[in-house]
């Protein structure tokens, strides 16, 4: 049967996954999202036009591909249509003919979004710190799902009276928890009824859809991860994480695909590290280096507009992500941002009480205390944005890439691990090495 190719973030998100997905989506037949919701933000530049995707798989631009939103994704219907409209203005056509939505996907309601905001305010008041969610209702929706009070696309498209009464119950639950929460129940139900008819033609049984895709004629199937390894609900820097599994296991559960059908797993790594919101960040540079990376890298969020914290590349994180995901190759992005630096550091190990530790600490307080051991390399001090093949990169930039490979450990089957190097915004600026 066919295998799925998976693209995953290997750090705290914002590694440039959209770009790698876009590169692979041009030759894919199906592009899938398996988890998260419109808390993701993927920017893709095609023919000088910049598209921002949040819920749509980035492959929606490819007129020859089917885009599939799997059961593990949580869907805010107003958000979906708003995104469609924005991208239609930029030239996206006939998306509704190319989009398939799993009937098992959970629905994000407007009150989930309102509650997300209220919970953040509450956390700030009680603990003096919030999680830094995107306030898109993602966490509360996954909470409803785990508490088995959630509603799915299949419920919306089935008996609407039954759906309405369950919707009212859920709304009441939230109102009793948050007395100042205002919910226009009738108004929202009316809108939902409208959305139901708009999406009905796109909805399918996702398990059958994926089964047929895997076992039918040869097809290239791409899965686009949202968020990243260190934001995973199980493996990330808890509690400053997202509410879904954004590591490779989420592909099986979020699409209904058996593990033997997972083929290549590509990890996307930025040439330095960034993090949005609060939480431990061992290689963070709160100095002119951090400022330089921030401004040169345009490090602010697609979804929220928040500034990102910046620091050196952290190989402890990358190795940890590799242990969980088993990357078959890596895409190293935004190498050009380092072009102006005199020297470049790479975090190669963590120390606790002066001793190297061979693992990535689970506990936040311990992670705050680790000391990073760095390897320092000379910068290449030249413009790499025009490079189109390996030979075009300065020797010192090549050394930087080889250093990453040596530390992460190259899979036995290959002579190298880094398959792509990104040196700019356009499609052409992804150098393919093998």
Protein backbone atom coordinates (compact mmCIF):
# COMPACT_ATOMS: atom_id res chain seq x y z
CA UNK A 1 0.00 0.00 0.00
CA UNK A 2 0.91 3.69 -0.02
CA UNK A 3 2.84 5.36 2.76
CA UNK A 4 2.36 8.77 4.28
CA UNK A 5 5.19 11.30 4.40
CA UNK A 6 5.09 13.36 7.58
CA UNK A 7 6.44 16.85 8.25
CA UNK A 8 6.87 17.76 11.92
CA UNK A 9 8.24 20.69 13.88
CA UNK A 10 11.30 19.68 15.89
CA UNK A 11 11.47 22.66 18.29
CA UNK A 12 8.81 24.98 19.81
CA UNK A 13 7.06 25.67 16.50
CA UNK A 14 7.64 28.38 13.90
CA UNK A 15 10.43 26.38 12.26
CA UNK A 16 9.16 27.02 8.74
CA UNK A 17 7.09 23.84 8.31
CA UNK A 18 4.67 25.58 5.92
CA UNK A 19 7.50 26.04 3.48
CA UNK A 20 8.67 22.42 3.58
CA UNK A 21 5.06 21.25 3.24
CA UNK A 22 4.55 23.61 0.31
CA UNK A 23 7.63 22.18 -1.39
CA UNK A 24 6.35 18.61 -0.98
CA UNK A 25 2.69 19.47 -1.59
CA UNK A 26 3.38 20.49 -5.18
CA UNK A 27 3.79 16.79 -6.01
CA UNK A 28 1.35 15.30 -3.50
CA UNK A 29 -2.06 13.83 -4.26
CA UNK A 30 -3.41 14.24 -0.72
CA UNK A 31 -2.28 16.67 1.99
CA UNK A 32 -3.59 16.03 5.52
CA UNK A 33 -3.80 17.79 8.85
CA UNK A 34 -4.00 15.39 11.81
CA UNK A 35 -4.13 17.53 14.98
CA UNK A 36 -4.48 21.03 16.39
CA UNK A 37 -6.80 23.65 15.00
CA UNK A 38 -6.59 27.23 13.85
CA UNK A 39 -4.00 27.85 16.55
CA UNK A 40 -1.51 26.87 13.84
CA UNK A 41 -0.15 29.47 11.47
CA UNK A 42 1.58 28.47 8.26
CA UNK A 43 2.77 31.10 5.81
CA UNK A 44 3.33 30.03 2.24
CA UNK A 45 4.61 32.30 -0.53
CA UNK A 46 3.60 31.37 -4.10
CA UNK A 47 4.18 33.60 -7.13
CA UNK A 48 4.90 36.52 -4.84
CA UNK A 49 1.58 36.09 -3.02
CA UNK A 50 1.69 35.36 0.70
CA UNK A 51 -0.98 32.96 1.94
CA UNK A 52 -1.64 32.41 5.65
CA UNK A 53 -3.17 29.09 6.61
CA UNK A 54 -4.47 28.20 10.05
CA UNK A 55 -6.91 25.33 9.58
CA UNK A 56 -6.52 24.49 5.91
CA UNK A 57 -3.70 22.11 5.04
CA UNK A 58 -1.08 24.20 3.19
CA UNK A 59 -1.63 21.90 0.19
CA UNK A 60 -4.95 23.62 -0.52
CA UNK A 61 -3.07 25.85 -3.01
CA UNK A 62 -2.27 22.81 -5.13
CA UNK A 63 -5.20 22.50 -7.52
CA UNK A 64 -4.36 18.85 -8.23
CA UNK A 65 -4.34 17.72 -4.59
CA UNK A 66 -7.07 16.80 -2.15
CA UNK A 67 -6.75 18.44 1.26
CA UNK A 68 -7.95 16.39 4.20
CA UNK A 69 -8.78 17.59 7.71
CA UNK A 70 -8.54 14.51 9.94
CA UNK A 71 -10.47 13.46 13.05
CA UNK A 72 -7.71 14.69 15.38
CA UNK A 73 -8.19 18.28 14.24
CA UNK A 74 -10.61 20.54 16.10
CA UNK A 75 -12.60 22.77 13.74
CA UNK A 76 -13.93 26.26 14.32
CA UNK A 77 -16.39 26.58 11.43
CA UNK A 78 -16.56 30.40 11.33
CA UNK A 79 -12.75 30.38 11.33
CA UNK A 80 -12.67 27.93 8.42
CA UNK A 81 -14.91 30.09 6.22
CA UNK A 82 -13.18 33.31 7.24
CA UNK A 83 -9.84 31.78 6.24
CA UNK A 84 -11.31 30.60 2.94
CA UNK A 85 -12.58 34.12 2.20
CA UNK A 86 -9.24 35.80 3.02
CA UNK A 87 -7.34 33.42 0.78
CA UNK A 88 -9.94 33.63 -2.01
CA UNK A 89 -9.13 37.36 -2.17
CA UNK A 90 -5.51 36.39 -2.77
CA UNK A 91 -6.49 34.05 -5.59
CA UNK A 92 -7.38 30.71 -3.95
CA UNK A 93 -10.02 29.05 -6.15
CA UNK A 94 -12.45 26.13 -5.86
CA UNK A 95 -11.12 25.07 -2.45
CA UNK A 96 -14.46 23.48 -1.51
CA UNK A 97 -14.03 20.95 -4.34
CA UNK A 98 -10.63 19.92 -2.95
CA UNK A 99 -11.34 19.81 0.79
CA UNK A 100 -12.48 16.71 2.67
CA UNK A 101 -13.36 16.86 6.36
CA UNK A 102 -13.52 13.86 8.71
CA UNK A 103 -16.94 13.37 10.28
CA UNK A 104 -15.20 12.43 13.55
CA UNK A 105 -13.49 15.80 14.01
CA UNK A 106 -14.59 17.78 17.08
CA UNK A 107 -16.14 21.22 16.73
CA UNK A 108 -14.73 24.36 18.35
CA UNK A 109 -17.62 26.59 19.40
CA UNK A 110 -17.50 30.33 19.92
CA UNK A 111 -17.98 29.77 23.65
CA UNK A 112 -14.86 27.54 23.67
CA UNK A 113 -12.95 30.57 22.38
CA UNK A 114 -14.51 32.87 24.97
CA UNK A 115 -13.67 30.37 27.73
CA UNK A 116 -10.08 30.10 26.46
CA UNK A 117 -9.69 33.85 27.00
CA UNK A 118 -11.36 33.73 30.43
CA UNK A 119 -9.18 30.81 31.59
CA UNK A 120 -6.04 32.70 30.57
CA UNK A 121 -7.20 35.74 32.59
CA UNK A 122 -7.92 33.41 35.54
CA UNK A 123 -4.46 31.77 35.33
CA UNK A 124 -2.82 35.17 35.22
CA UNK A 125 -4.75 36.25 38.32
CA UNK A 126 -4.18 33.05 40.30
CA UNK A 127 -0.65 32.03 39.35
CA UNK A 128 0.74 35.30 38.04
CA UNK A 129 1.34 33.58 34.71
CA UNK A 130 -0.73 32.20 31.87
CA UNK A 131 0.06 29.46 29.36
CA UNK A 132 0.10 31.86 26.42
CA UNK A 133 -2.60 30.12 24.39
CA UNK A 134 -3.74 31.62 21.08
CA UNK A 135 -7.25 32.06 22.60
CA UNK A 136 -8.69 30.13 19.67
CA UNK A 137 -10.61 27.71 21.89
CA UNK A 138 -8.35 24.76 21.14
CA UNK A 139 -7.61 23.70 24.75
CA UNK A 140 -11.24 23.94 25.92
CA UNK A 141 -12.36 21.89 22.89
CA UNK A 142 -9.86 19.11 23.60
CA UNK A 143 -11.02 19.30 27.25
CA UNK A 144 -14.64 18.77 26.13
CA UNK A 145 -13.46 15.90 23.92
CA UNK A 146 -11.64 14.19 26.81
CA UNK A 147 -14.58 14.83 29.16
CA UNK A 148 -16.85 13.26 26.49
CA UNK A 149 -19.13 16.25 26.32
CA UNK A 150 -17.81 17.45 22.96
CA UNK A 151 -19.74 17.53 19.70
CA UNK A 152 -18.42 16.33 16.37
CA UNK A 153 -19.02 17.13 12.72
CA UNK A 154 -21.07 13.90 12.43
CA UNK A 155 -23.40 15.17 15.20
CA UNK A 156 -23.88 18.51 13.46
CA UNK A 157 -24.84 16.74 10.21
CA UNK A 158 -27.15 14.21 11.86
CA UNK A 159 -30.29 15.01 13.89
CA UNK A 160 -30.17 18.77 14.47
CA UNK A 161 -32.63 18.69 17.40
CA UNK A 162 -30.43 16.19 19.22
CA UNK A 163 -27.38 18.31 18.37
CA UNK A 164 -29.13 21.45 19.69
CA UNK A 165 -29.99 19.92 23.03
CA UNK A 166 -26.43 18.65 23.54
CA UNK A 167 -25.09 22.06 22.48
CA UNK A 168 -27.35 23.75 25.05
CA UNK A 169 -26.16 21.36 27.79
CA UNK A 170 -22.53 22.10 27.01
CA UNK A 171 -23.19 25.83 26.92
CA UNK A 172 -24.96 25.61 30.31
CA UNK A 173 -22.01 23.74 31.80
CA UNK A 174 -19.68 26.55 30.80
CA UNK A 175 -22.12 29.22 31.99
CA UNK A 176 -22.22 27.64 35.45
CA UNK A 177 -18.41 27.57 35.55
CA UNK A 178 -18.07 31.15 34.25
CA UNK A 179 -21.11 33.14 35.45
CA UNK A 180 -20.16 36.23 33.41
CA UNK A 181 -19.88 34.24 30.17
CA UNK A 182 -22.50 35.36 27.66
CA UNK A 183 -23.65 32.86 25.08
CA UNK A 184 -26.24 33.63 22.42
CA UNK A 185 -27.43 30.04 22.19
CA UNK A 186 -30.16 30.51 19.57
CA UNK A 187 -28.01 32.80 17.44
CA UNK A 188 -25.11 30.34 17.44
CA UNK A 189 -27.35 27.38 16.62
CA UNK A 190 -28.80 29.26 13.68
CA UNK A 191 -25.29 29.94 12.33
CA UNK A 192 -24.24 26.35 12.92
CA UNK A 193 -27.23 25.12 10.93
CA UNK A 194 -26.04 27.29 8.04
CA UNK A 195 -22.48 25.96 8.27
CA UNK A 196 -23.80 22.40 8.37
CA UNK A 197 -25.28 22.77 4.90
CA UNK A 198 -22.14 24.46 3.54
CA UNK A 199 -19.79 21.71 4.70
CA UNK A 200 -22.06 18.71 4.14
CA UNK A 201 -20.68 17.98 0.64
CA UNK A 202 -17.10 17.98 2.00
CA UNK A 203 -17.65 15.61 4.94
CA UNK A 204 -16.69 11.95 4.66
CA UNK A 205 -15.99 9.02 6.94
CA UNK A 206 -12.29 9.76 7.46
CA UNK A 207 -11.27 6.19 8.27
CA UNK A 208 -12.67 4.85 4.97
CA UNK A 209 -11.22 7.80 3.09
CA UNK A 210 -7.70 7.17 4.42
CA UNK A 211 -8.02 3.41 4.00
CA UNK A 212 -8.89 3.79 0.33
CA UNK A 213 -6.12 6.35 -0.17
CA UNK A 214 -3.57 3.96 1.38
CA UNK A 215 -4.74 0.85 -0.45
CA UNK A 216 -5.83 2.23 -3.83
CA UNK A 217 -3.75 3.34 -6.80
CA UNK A 218 -0.24 4.73 -6.05
CA UNK A 219 -0.60 8.11 -4.36
CA UNK A 220 1.67 10.57 -2.64
CA UNK A 221 0.16 11.38 0.75
CA UNK A 222 1.59 14.15 2.88
CA UNK A 223 0.80 14.87 6.52
CA UNK A 224 1.44 18.34 7.84
CA UNK A 225 2.03 18.55 11.57
CA UNK A 226 0.96 21.70 13.41
CA UNK A 227 2.75 23.06 16.50
CA UNK A 228 5.91 21.09 17.37
CA UNK A 229 7.65 18.41 19.48
CA UNK A 230 8.30 20.66 22.49
CA UNK A 231 4.66 21.76 22.49
CA UNK A 232 3.35 18.17 22.54
CA UNK A 233 0.85 17.52 25.35
CA UNK A 234 2.87 14.44 26.49
CA UNK A 235 6.44 15.29 25.54
CA UNK A 236 6.54 19.07 25.49
CA UNK A 237 7.55 21.53 28.20
CA UNK A 238 4.36 20.94 30.18
CA UNK A 239 2.27 22.89 31.16
CA UNK A 240 3.42 25.40 28.51
CA UNK A 241 2.27 23.15 25.68
CA UNK A 242 -0.59 22.74 23.26
CA UNK A 243 -3.44 20.26 23.91
CA UNK A 244 -2.71 17.65 21.25
CA UNK A 245 0.04 15.22 20.26
CA UNK A 246 2.12 17.01 17.67
CA UNK A 247 4.71 14.25 17.53
CA UNK A 248 4.51 11.31 15.11
CA UNK A 249 1.96 9.32 17.19
CA UNK A 250 -0.65 12.01 16.47
CA UNK A 251 -0.51 11.01 12.81
CA UNK A 252 -1.89 7.52 13.52
CA UNK A 253 -4.57 8.64 15.97
CA UNK A 254 -5.45 11.86 14.16
CA UNK A 255 -6.06 10.24 10.77
CA UNK A 256 -6.76 6.59 11.54
CA UNK A 257 -3.59 5.33 9.85
CA UNK A 258 -1.72 2.21 11.07
CA UNK A 259 1.95 2.81 11.94
CA UNK A 260 3.26 0.58 9.15
CA UNK A 261 1.91 3.12 6.68
CA UNK A 262 4.08 5.91 8.06
CA UNK A 263 6.99 6.40 5.65
CA UNK A 264 9.41 9.31 5.76
CA UNK A 265 9.26 11.55 8.81
CA UNK A 266 10.84 14.92 8.11
CA UNK A 267 11.80 17.14 11.03
CA UNK A 268 11.87 20.88 10.44
CA UNK A 269 14.51 22.72 12.45
CA UNK A 270 15.28 26.41 12.42
CA UNK A 271 19.01 27.25 12.35
CA UNK A 272 18.47 28.89 15.75
CA UNK A 273 15.72 28.48 18.37
CA UNK A 274 12.61 30.54 19.11
CA UNK A 275 9.81 30.23 21.62
CA UNK A 276 6.54 32.11 22.02
CA UNK A 277 5.14 32.88 25.47
CA UNK A 278 6.60 31.79 28.77
CA UNK A 279 8.35 28.62 29.90
CA UNK A 280 11.95 27.41 30.16
CA UNK A 281 14.25 28.18 27.24
CA UNK A 282 17.85 27.13 28.06
CA UNK A 283 19.61 28.65 25.01
CA UNK A 284 17.66 31.93 25.07
CA UNK A 285 19.72 35.06 24.41
CA UNK A 286 18.31 38.10 26.18
CA UNK A 287 20.89 40.41 24.60
CA UNK A 288 21.89 41.92 21.25
CA UNK A 289 22.21 38.44 19.70
CA UNK A 290 18.59 37.68 20.65
CA UNK A 291 17.49 41.06 19.31
CA UNK A 292 19.37 40.51 16.05
CA UNK A 293 17.80 37.08 15.47
CA UNK A 294 14.41 38.55 16.32
CA UNK A 295 14.63 41.43 13.85
CA UNK A 296 16.51 39.65 11.03
CA UNK A 297 14.26 36.59 11.35
CA UNK A 298 11.01 38.61 11.57
CA UNK A 299 10.17 36.57 14.62
CA UNK A 300 6.58 37.34 15.44
CA UNK A 301 3.57 35.06 15.29
CA UNK A 302 1.38 34.46 12.21
CA UNK A 303 -1.61 33.66 14.43
CA UNK A 304 -1.08 36.10 17.30
CA UNK A 305 1.47 38.72 16.18
CA UNK A 306 3.42 38.06 19.40
CA UNK A 307 7.18 38.60 19.43
CA UNK A 308 9.15 35.38 19.68
CA UNK A 309 11.97 34.86 22.17
CA UNK A 310 15.20 33.91 20.38
CA UNK A 311 18.35 31.94 21.16
CA UNK A 312 21.01 29.62 19.80
CA UNK A 313 20.27 26.26 18.22
CA UNK A 314 19.71 23.68 20.96
CA UNK A 315 20.77 20.17 19.96
CA UNK A 316 19.52 18.63 23.23
CA UNK A 317 16.01 19.56 22.13
CA UNK A 318 16.62 18.34 18.61
CA UNK A 319 17.99 14.98 19.79
CA UNK A 320 15.01 14.62 22.13
CA UNK A 321 12.57 15.33 19.26
CA UNK A 322 14.49 12.78 17.17
CA UNK A 323 14.16 10.11 19.92
CA UNK A 324 10.39 10.52 19.85
CA UNK A 325 9.79 11.01 16.13
CA UNK A 326 12.59 9.02 14.47
CA UNK A 327 13.27 11.57 11.75
CA UNK A 328 14.41 10.07 8.46
CA UNK A 329 15.72 13.49 7.38
CA UNK A 330 15.77 17.12 8.47
CA UNK A 331 15.04 20.45 6.86
CA UNK A 332 17.25 23.18 8.33
CA UNK A 333 15.54 26.52 7.74
CA UNK A 334 16.46 30.21 7.95
CA UNK A 335 20.20 29.61 7.76
CA UNK A 336 20.54 33.02 6.10
CA UNK A 337 19.48 34.76 9.33
CA UNK A 338 22.91 33.79 10.76
CA UNK A 339 24.80 35.34 7.79
CA UNK A 340 25.97 38.43 9.70
CA UNK A 341 27.27 36.80 12.89
CA UNK A 342 30.96 36.79 13.79
CA UNK A 343 30.61 33.62 15.77
CA UNK A 344 27.81 31.13 16.19
CA UNK A 345 27.11 28.91 19.17
CA UNK A 346 25.35 25.57 19.26
CA UNK A 347 24.01 24.12 22.53
CA UNK A 348 25.33 20.55 22.63
CA UNK A 349 24.57 19.37 26.18
CA UNK A 350 22.83 20.29 29.44
CA UNK A 351 24.54 20.21 32.81
CA UNK A 352 22.95 19.94 36.24
CA UNK A 353 25.24 20.67 39.17
CA UNK A 354 28.20 20.63 36.79
CA UNK A 355 27.38 17.13 35.43
CA UNK A 356 26.19 16.43 31.91
CA UNK A 357 22.74 14.86 31.78
CA UNK A 358 21.85 12.48 28.93
CA UNK A 359 18.13 13.35 28.80
CA UNK A 360 15.79 16.31 28.42
CA UNK A 361 14.32 17.13 31.88
CA UNK A 362 10.55 16.74 32.22
CA UNK A 363 10.20 19.08 35.18
CA UNK A 364 9.98 22.80 34.44
CA UNK A 365 11.81 23.92 37.59
CA UNK A 366 14.74 21.62 36.78
CA UNK A 367 14.77 22.74 33.15
CA UNK A 368 14.99 26.36 34.35
CA UNK A 369 18.19 25.42 36.22
CA UNK A 370 20.13 23.59 33.50
CA UNK A 371 23.37 25.06 32.27
CA UNK A 372 24.03 24.78 28.54
CA UNK A 373 27.35 23.55 27.18
CA UNK A 374 28.09 25.29 23.88
CA UNK A 375 30.27 24.62 20.89
CA UNK A 376 31.43 27.86 19.27
CA UNK A 377 32.02 28.13 15.53
CA UNK A 378 33.19 30.99 13.37
CA UNK A 379 30.45 32.73 11.35
CA UNK A 380 30.66 32.75 7.53
CA UNK A 381 29.95 36.48 7.28
CA UNK A 382 28.56 36.31 3.77
CA UNK A 383 25.17 36.37 2.07
CA UNK A 384 23.76 32.88 1.54
CA UNK A 385 20.36 33.92 0.13
CA UNK A 386 21.53 33.33 -3.46
CA UNK A 387 22.71 29.77 -2.78
CA UNK A 388 20.82 27.13 -4.74
CA UNK A 389 22.98 24.05 -4.13
CA UNK A 390 25.31 22.69 -1.45
CA UNK A 391 28.44 23.90 -3.28
CA UNK A 392 27.12 27.48 -3.19
CA UNK A 393 27.19 27.54 0.62
CA UNK A 394 30.32 28.95 2.32
CA UNK A 395 32.53 26.21 3.87
CA UNK A 396 31.82 27.57 7.37
CA UNK A 397 28.07 27.26 6.76
CA UNK A 398 28.62 23.72 5.51
CA UNK A 399 30.53 23.00 8.74
CA UNK A 400 27.62 24.32 10.79
CA UNK A 401 25.26 21.90 9.04
CA UNK A 402 27.67 18.96 9.42
CA UNK A 403 28.06 19.77 13.11
CA UNK A 404 24.28 19.47 13.57
CA UNK A 405 24.27 16.12 11.76
CA UNK A 406 27.18 14.72 13.78
CA UNK A 407 25.55 15.55 17.09
CA UNK A 408 22.07 14.33 16.24
CA UNK A 409 23.40 11.11 14.77
CA UNK A 410 23.00 10.23 11.12
CA UNK A 411 20.69 7.28 10.39
CA UNK A 412 22.76 4.26 9.27
CA UNK A 413 21.09 4.03 5.89
CA UNK A 414 22.07 7.55 4.85
CA UNK A 415 25.31 9.42 4.62
CA UNK A 416 23.58 12.59 5.74
CA UNK A 417 20.56 13.71 7.71
CA UNK A 418 19.93 17.28 6.52
CA UNK A 419 18.01 16.98 3.26
CA UNK A 420 17.09 20.63 2.78
CA UNK A 421 18.62 23.93 3.76
CA UNK A 422 16.46 27.06 3.66
CA UNK A 423 18.11 30.37 2.83
CA UNK A 424 15.18 32.70 2.11
CA UNK A 425 11.45 33.17 1.65
CA UNK A 426 10.76 31.96 -1.87
CA UNK A 427 10.14 28.38 -3.04
CA UNK A 428 13.50 28.45 -4.86
CA UNK A 429 15.47 29.18 -1.71
CA UNK A 430 15.14 25.62 -0.34
CA UNK A 431 18.37 23.86 -1.28
CA UNK A 432 17.89 20.12 -1.67
CA UNK A 433 21.00 18.12 -0.72
CA UNK A 434 19.93 14.57 -1.64
